[in-house]
Amino acid sequence: MSENSQFRFGAATGVGSMPGGDVLEAVKTVTGSFEDFPFLPELPARGPGADMIGRTAGMLVELYARVEPSGWRIGDRPGRDTKRARSWLGQDLDALEEYTQGYEGPLKVQAVGPWTLAAQLELRNGEVALSDPGACRDLAASLAEGLRLHLAEVSRRVPGARLVLQLDEPSLTDVLRGRVRSASGYRTHRAVDRQLVESGLRDVFGVHGAGPVVVHSCAPDVPFALLRRAGAQAVSFDFSLLTERDDETIGEAVESGTRLFTGVVPGTDGPLSDPAGSVMGVRTLWRRLGLRPGLLAEAVTVTPACGLAGASPEYARTAYAHCVRAARSLADNPE
């Protein structure tokens, strides 16, 4: 295992989004469910500015965005949408601070990564930032500075925490394969060179210094190897979307010290199997790869398959408890 693996992640955590609009209740649920690895929840049901793009747009430095019928668009000055996003984030941090008094251990915060942001955030002409390489660079630089300030603020409020930065990149595969649609919808933007994508990610990862970065995507075909080369210490993904063609990449990632945040619990309401059954596929993968069972607890964090914004509050609590029990099953019975 590499030096990066020496950071002690928790055995289970959530992805980020939760149902409802009561942040105190959300933080209480998170800190109560994941005593060893809580996270700052996101509540998109509150409206624009609490959604994943708007929340991250509110963190940008010297770039501002507003809501248009087509989505979030870069504007000239901070308007009410930016102010609302920042206000909600401040409320969320107040709640987190209240429920983490004296906490020491890993604490995860989430933001949208540079390439998904470029694929979703529109320029003044209505095309997404991905259409303009210069805009992509400016956006990544603004994001990096905003994340630096955000991490410093969280550290100030929860001084005992060891911060884990999660960057959500659900559009990354589409960026790499030229599948991001133009404003007209009749064409797609050209695929971005993989080395450029990797370099852009590395630059943003660097804002966290020696701290660990997780990249999350619940889309198919997560580029594990590229993320590992860019410096991600962990990759969060929907485990059900893996195929055997991912085996070699997964094996190389684990052996290099990359942690797997395996999304094995459904993100919307429905019946759940027993905890051991939820991680049966992880055990099967381990055997197929010829990895030693004792490595499971060192290499795997159990999560829902994606965010829980579409779930009921009752299911969210149940799903989180299920993740914790499934992680315990892996640790107690790795074979």
Protein backbone atom coordinates (compact mmCIF):
# COMPACT_ATOMS: atom_id res chain seq x y z
CA MET A 1 0.00 0.00 0.00
CA SER A 2 1.21 3.50 -0.74
CA GLU A 3 1.92 6.31 1.67
CA ASN A 4 -1.48 7.86 0.84
CA SER A 5 -3.25 4.83 2.30
CA GLN A 6 -1.90 5.66 5.76
CA PHE A 7 -4.67 8.25 6.15
CA ARG A 8 -7.35 6.55 8.22
CA PHE A 9 -10.67 6.82 6.41
CA GLY A 10 -13.82 5.61 8.09
CA ALA A 11 -15.37 2.28 7.15
CA ALA A 12 -18.64 3.83 5.97
CA THR A 13 -19.97 7.25 5.00
CA GLY A 14 -22.52 8.96 2.76
CA VAL A 15 -22.07 10.48 -0.68
CA GLY A 16 -23.37 13.99 -0.02
CA SER A 17 -26.95 14.90 -0.84
CA MET A 18 -29.88 14.19 1.46
CA PRO A 19 -33.65 14.67 1.28
CA GLY A 20 -35.58 17.57 2.81
CA GLY A 21 -34.60 21.08 3.78
CA ASP A 22 -33.87 20.88 7.52
CA VAL A 23 -30.10 21.16 7.80
CA LEU A 24 -30.02 20.64 11.58
CA GLU A 25 -31.88 17.36 11.19
CA ALA A 26 -29.63 16.34 8.28
CA VAL A 27 -26.41 17.01 10.19
CA LYS A 28 -27.81 15.25 13.24
CA THR A 29 -28.57 12.19 11.08
CA VAL A 30 -25.11 12.22 9.48
CA THR A 31 -23.14 12.64 12.69
CA GLY A 32 -25.30 10.09 14.48
CA SER A 33 -25.01 7.52 11.69
CA PHE A 34 -21.33 7.92 10.83
CA GLU A 35 -19.59 8.55 14.13
CA ASP A 36 -16.20 7.74 12.56
CA PHE A 37 -16.61 9.45 9.17
CA PRO A 38 -19.28 12.18 9.01
CA PHE A 39 -19.70 14.57 6.10
CA LEU A 40 -21.21 17.98 5.39
CA PRO A 41 -24.64 17.19 3.90
CA GLU A 42 -26.17 18.89 0.88
CA LEU A 43 -29.92 19.59 0.68
CA PRO A 44 -30.84 20.35 -2.96
CA ALA A 45 -34.59 20.28 -2.19
CA ARG A 46 -34.19 23.82 -0.83
CA GLY A 47 -33.93 25.07 -4.42
CA PRO A 48 -31.42 26.83 -6.70
CA GLY A 49 -28.20 27.47 -4.84
CA ALA A 50 -28.55 24.28 -2.82
CA ASP A 51 -28.25 22.07 -5.93
CA MET A 52 -24.79 20.67 -6.64
CA ILE A 53 -23.89 23.17 -9.40
CA GLY A 54 -25.29 26.20 -7.59
CA ARG A 55 -23.68 25.27 -4.29
CA THR A 56 -20.24 25.00 -5.90
CA ALA A 57 -20.82 28.10 -8.04
CA GLY A 58 -21.34 29.96 -4.79
CA MET A 59 -17.81 28.97 -3.72
CA LEU A 60 -16.14 30.43 -6.79
CA VAL A 61 -13.78 33.38 -6.36
CA GLU A 62 -14.17 36.39 -8.69
CA LEU A 63 -16.63 34.44 -10.82
CA TYR A 64 -20.37 34.60 -10.23
CA ALA A 65 -23.33 32.67 -11.54
CA ARG A 66 -27.07 33.17 -11.78
CA VAL A 67 -29.99 30.91 -12.62
CA GLU A 68 -31.37 31.05 -16.16
CA PRO A 69 -34.15 28.86 -17.61
CA SER A 70 -31.45 26.69 -19.19
CA GLY A 71 -29.37 26.36 -16.01
CA TRP A 72 -26.58 28.17 -14.17
CA ARG A 73 -24.82 30.90 -16.16
CA ILE A 74 -21.77 33.01 -15.37
CA GLY A 75 -22.66 36.65 -14.73
CA ASP A 76 -20.87 39.92 -14.07
CA ARG A 77 -21.54 40.35 -10.36
CA PRO A 78 -22.83 38.43 -7.36
CA GLY A 79 -26.64 38.47 -7.56
CA ARG A 80 -29.31 36.99 -5.37
CA ASP A 81 -28.61 33.42 -6.54
CA THR A 82 -24.96 33.62 -5.49
CA LYS A 83 -25.91 35.24 -2.20
CA ARG A 84 -28.51 32.56 -1.51
CA ALA A 85 -26.02 29.76 -2.23
CA ARG A 86 -23.47 31.31 0.12
CA SER A 87 -26.08 31.90 2.81
CA TRP A 88 -27.20 28.27 2.75
CA LEU A 89 -23.62 27.04 2.89
CA GLY A 90 -23.03 29.27 5.91
CA GLN A 91 -26.09 27.79 7.62
CA ASP A 92 -24.82 24.30 6.84
CA LEU A 93 -21.44 25.07 8.38
CA ASP A 94 -23.14 26.50 11.48
CA ALA A 95 -25.05 23.23 11.90
CA LEU A 96 -21.95 21.13 11.29
CA GLU A 97 -20.00 23.10 13.86
CA GLU A 98 -22.78 22.62 16.41
CA TYR A 99 -22.88 18.84 16.01
CA THR A 100 -19.12 18.21 15.79
CA GLN A 101 -17.94 19.89 18.98
CA GLY A 102 -14.82 18.03 20.10
CA TYR A 103 -14.84 15.71 17.08
CA GLU A 104 -11.48 14.33 15.98
CA GLY A 105 -11.22 12.20 12.88
CA PRO A 106 -11.95 12.22 9.15
CA LEU A 107 -14.63 14.65 7.96
CA LYS A 108 -15.72 14.82 4.32
CA VAL A 109 -16.81 17.91 2.38
CA GLN A 110 -18.07 17.82 -1.21
CA ALA A 111 -17.98 20.12 -4.23
CA VAL A 112 -18.40 19.69 -7.97
CA GLY A 113 -15.12 18.99 -9.77
CA PRO A 114 -13.69 21.24 -12.51
CA TRP A 115 -14.76 19.20 -15.54
CA THR A 116 -18.35 18.57 -14.51
CA LEU A 117 -18.58 22.26 -13.58
CA ALA A 118 -17.24 23.18 -17.05
CA ALA A 119 -19.77 20.82 -18.65
CA GLN A 120 -22.71 22.30 -16.74
CA LEU A 121 -21.98 25.98 -16.11
CA GLU A 122 -22.88 28.24 -19.06
CA LEU A 123 -20.94 31.18 -20.42
CA ARG A 124 -22.66 34.44 -21.32
CA ASN A 125 -23.33 33.17 -24.87
CA GLY A 126 -25.28 30.19 -23.55
CA GLU A 127 -22.66 27.55 -24.38
CA VAL A 128 -21.09 25.65 -21.52
CA ALA A 129 -17.63 26.63 -20.32
CA LEU A 130 -16.30 23.37 -21.78
CA SER A 131 -16.57 25.01 -25.22
CA ASP A 132 -13.79 27.48 -24.36
CA PRO A 133 -10.38 26.22 -23.13
CA GLY A 134 -9.58 29.61 -21.61
CA ALA A 135 -12.88 29.59 -19.70
CA CYS A 136 -12.09 26.08 -18.44
CA ARG A 137 -8.76 27.30 -17.06
CA ASP A 138 -10.31 30.35 -15.42
CA LEU A 139 -13.08 28.25 -13.92
CA ALA A 140 -10.65 25.68 -12.51
CA ALA A 141 -8.48 28.41 -10.99
CA SER A 142 -11.51 30.09 -9.41
CA LEU A 143 -12.73 26.75 -8.08
CA ALA A 144 -9.34 25.92 -6.59
CA GLU A 145 -9.19 29.22 -4.73
CA GLY A 146 -12.77 28.83 -3.53
CA LEU A 147 -12.06 25.32 -2.28
CA ARG A 148 -8.97 26.53 -0.46
CA LEU A 149 -11.04 29.11 1.40
CA HIS A 150 -13.84 26.59 2.08
CA LEU A 151 -11.46 24.00 3.52
CA ALA A 152 -9.84 26.64 5.72
CA GLU A 153 -13.27 27.69 7.03
CA VAL A 154 -14.27 24.10 7.83
CA SER A 155 -10.92 23.55 9.58
CA ARG A 156 -11.51 26.66 11.65
CA ARG A 157 -14.95 25.49 12.71
CA VAL A 158 -14.00 21.84 13.35
CA PRO A 159 -10.33 22.08 14.35
CA GLY A 160 -9.99 18.42 15.31
CA ALA A 161 -11.13 17.16 11.91
CA ARG A 162 -8.87 15.67 9.25
CA LEU A 163 -10.57 16.91 6.12
CA VAL A 164 -11.35 14.73 3.13
CA LEU A 165 -12.22 16.64 -0.06
CA GLN A 166 -14.70 14.91 -2.37
CA LEU A 167 -15.03 16.25 -5.90
CA ASP A 168 -18.16 15.15 -7.75
CA GLU A 169 -17.42 14.42 -11.43
CA PRO A 170 -20.49 12.67 -12.91
CA SER A 171 -19.89 14.34 -16.32
CA LEU A 172 -16.21 13.37 -16.54
CA THR A 173 -16.70 10.36 -18.82
CA ASP A 174 -18.86 12.44 -21.18
CA VAL A 175 -16.15 15.13 -21.25
CA LEU A 176 -13.53 12.53 -22.16
CA ARG A 177 -15.70 10.94 -24.87
CA GLY A 178 -17.10 14.08 -26.49
CA ARG A 179 -20.68 13.48 -25.35
CA VAL A 180 -21.45 16.88 -23.78
CA ARG A 181 -24.19 18.50 -25.86
CA SER A 182 -24.07 22.04 -27.24
CA ALA A 183 -26.70 24.64 -26.34
CA SER A 184 -28.65 23.81 -29.50
CA GLY A 185 -28.65 20.12 -28.69
CA TYR A 186 -27.77 19.27 -32.30
CA ARG A 187 -24.08 18.62 -31.77
CA THR A 188 -21.63 17.71 -29.04
CA HIS A 189 -18.49 19.44 -27.86
CA ARG A 190 -15.18 17.86 -28.82
CA ALA A 191 -13.64 15.39 -26.41
CA VAL A 192 -11.05 16.99 -24.15
CA ASP A 193 -7.56 15.50 -24.34
CA ARG A 194 -7.01 13.04 -21.50
CA GLN A 195 -3.71 14.62 -20.49
CA LEU A 196 -5.39 18.01 -20.24
CA VAL A 197 -8.19 16.53 -18.13
CA GLU A 198 -5.66 14.83 -15.88
CA SER A 199 -3.59 18.00 -15.52
CA GLY A 200 -6.69 20.06 -14.67
CA LEU A 201 -7.73 17.61 -12.00
CA ARG A 202 -4.23 17.50 -10.53
CA ASP A 203 -4.16 21.28 -10.22
CA VAL A 204 -7.44 21.36 -8.31
CA PHE A 205 -6.49 18.37 -6.14
CA GLY A 206 -3.36 20.29 -5.14
CA VAL A 207 -5.40 22.86 -3.22
CA HIS A 208 -5.84 20.28 -0.44
CA GLY A 209 -2.09 19.90 0.01
CA ALA A 210 -1.29 16.56 1.62
CA GLY A 211 -4.96 15.95 2.47
CA PRO A 212 -6.84 13.14 0.72
CA VAL A 213 -9.07 13.77 -2.30
CA VAL A 214 -11.95 11.49 -3.30
CA VAL A 215 -13.50 11.69 -6.76
CA HIS A 216 -17.13 10.60 -6.94
CA SER A 217 -19.11 9.55 -10.00
CA CYS A 218 -22.20 7.39 -10.12
CA ALA A 219 -22.04 7.32 -13.94
CA PRO A 220 -20.83 4.25 -15.88
CA ASP A 221 -17.20 3.83 -16.97
CA VAL A 222 -15.45 5.81 -14.26
CA PRO A 223 -11.86 6.45 -15.47
CA PHE A 224 -10.12 4.89 -12.47
CA ALA A 225 -6.62 4.89 -13.98
CA LEU A 226 -6.77 8.56 -15.00
CA LEU A 227 -8.03 9.59 -11.55
CA ARG A 228 -5.27 7.60 -9.87
CA ARG A 229 -2.60 9.23 -12.06
CA ALA A 230 -4.06 12.66 -11.30
CA GLY A 231 -3.52 12.00 -7.61
CA ALA A 232 -6.92 10.95 -6.24
CA GLN A 233 -6.45 8.94 -3.05
CA ALA A 234 -9.92 7.40 -3.37
CA VAL A 235 -12.63 6.86 -5.97
CA SER A 236 -16.34 6.76 -5.09
CA PHE A 237 -18.63 4.93 -7.50
CA ASP A 238 -21.82 2.94 -8.01
CA PHE A 239 -20.60 -0.62 -7.52
CA SER A 240 -23.46 -2.09 -9.58
CA LEU A 241 -22.08 -0.41 -12.72
CA LEU A 242 -18.72 -2.21 -12.60
CA THR A 243 -18.02 -4.86 -15.23
CA GLU A 244 -15.26 -7.43 -15.43
CA ARG A 245 -13.43 -5.22 -17.93
CA ASP A 246 -12.77 -2.90 -14.97
CA ASP A 247 -10.98 -5.67 -13.05
CA GLU A 248 -7.41 -4.87 -14.08
CA THR A 249 -7.82 -1.15 -13.40
CA ILE A 250 -9.45 -1.80 -10.03
CA GLY A 251 -6.71 -4.23 -9.03
CA GLU A 252 -3.98 -1.76 -9.98
CA ALA A 253 -5.75 1.01 -8.06
CA VAL A 254 -6.04 -1.06 -4.88
CA GLU A 255 -2.45 -2.26 -5.06
CA SER A 256 -1.24 1.32 -5.48
CA GLY A 257 -3.08 2.39 -2.33
CA THR A 258 -6.20 3.94 -3.86
CA ARG A 259 -9.19 3.50 -1.59
CA LEU A 260 -12.52 2.37 -3.03
CA PHE A 261 -15.73 4.03 -1.85
CA THR A 262 -18.04 1.25 -2.97
CA GLY A 263 -21.63 2.38 -3.51
CA VAL A 264 -23.53 -0.78 -2.66
CA VAL A 265 -26.72 0.54 -1.03
CA PRO A 266 -29.45 1.87 -3.39
CA GLY A 267 -29.93 5.63 -3.39
CA THR A 268 -33.75 5.58 -3.48
CA ASP A 269 -36.37 3.90 -1.31
CA GLY A 270 -36.70 0.18 -1.66
CA PRO A 271 -36.09 -3.08 0.18
CA LEU A 272 -32.57 -3.74 1.42
CA SER A 273 -30.86 -7.12 1.63
CA ASP A 274 -29.08 -8.17 4.78
CA PRO A 275 -25.83 -6.18 5.31
CA ALA A 276 -23.61 -9.13 4.42
CA GLY A 277 -25.55 -9.55 1.18
CA SER A 278 -25.00 -5.92 0.24
CA VAL A 279 -21.21 -6.41 0.19
CA MET A 280 -21.21 -9.91 -1.31
CA GLY A 281 -20.23 -8.45 -4.67
CA VAL A 282 -17.24 -6.70 -3.10
CA ARG A 283 -16.04 -10.00 -1.63
CA THR A 284 -16.54 -11.67 -5.03
CA LEU A 285 -14.51 -8.95 -6.75
CA TRP A 286 -11.72 -9.40 -4.22
CA ARG A 287 -11.54 -13.14 -4.89
CA ARG A 288 -11.61 -12.57 -8.65
CA LEU A 289 -8.71 -10.14 -8.38
CA GLY A 290 -6.72 -12.46 -6.12
CA LEU A 291 -6.40 -9.78 -3.44
CA ARG A 292 -5.92 -10.86 0.15
CA PRO A 293 -9.15 -10.68 2.19
CA GLY A 294 -7.45 -8.84 5.03
CA LEU A 295 -6.96 -5.88 2.69
CA LEU A 296 -10.72 -5.26 2.44
CA ALA A 297 -11.05 -3.16 5.59
CA GLU A 298 -7.94 -1.16 4.63
CA ALA A 299 -9.11 -0.48 1.08
CA VAL A 300 -12.91 -0.15 1.15
CA THR A 301 -15.35 2.41 2.51
CA VAL A 302 -19.02 1.45 2.15
CA THR A 303 -21.46 4.11 0.86
CA PRO A 304 -24.81 4.43 -0.88
CA ALA A 305 -24.61 4.12 -4.67
CA CYS A 306 -25.18 7.86 -5.08
CA GLY A 307 -26.64 10.80 -3.21
CA LEU A 308 -29.93 10.36 -1.36
CA ALA A 309 -31.72 13.54 -2.52
CA GLY A 310 -34.45 11.42 -4.10
CA ALA A 311 -35.01 9.25 -1.04
CA SER A 312 -37.32 9.73 1.92
CA PRO A 313 -35.79 10.91 5.22
CA GLU A 314 -36.74 7.57 6.78
CA TYR A 315 -34.98 5.63 4.05
CA ALA A 316 -31.89 7.86 4.31
CA ARG A 317 -31.51 6.99 7.99
CA THR A 318 -32.05 3.30 7.24
CA ALA A 319 -29.59 3.33 4.34
CA TYR A 320 -26.86 4.97 6.43
CA ALA A 321 -27.30 2.46 9.25
CA HIS A 322 -27.19 -0.30 6.64
CA CYS A 323 -23.88 1.03 5.27
CA VAL A 324 -22.35 0.91 8.75
CA ARG A 325 -23.52 -2.68 9.33
CA ALA A 326 -22.34 -3.76 5.87
CA ALA A 327 -18.88 -2.27 6.52
CA ARG A 328 -18.75 -4.12 9.84
CA SER A 329 -19.64 -7.34 8.02
CA LEU A 330 -16.72 -6.83 5.62
CA ALA A 331 -14.30 -6.21 8.48
CA ASP A 332 -15.50 -9.13 10.61
CA ASN A 333 -15.86 -11.66 7.79
CA PRO A 334 -13.62 -10.57 4.90
CA GLU A 335 -13.85 -13.98 3.23
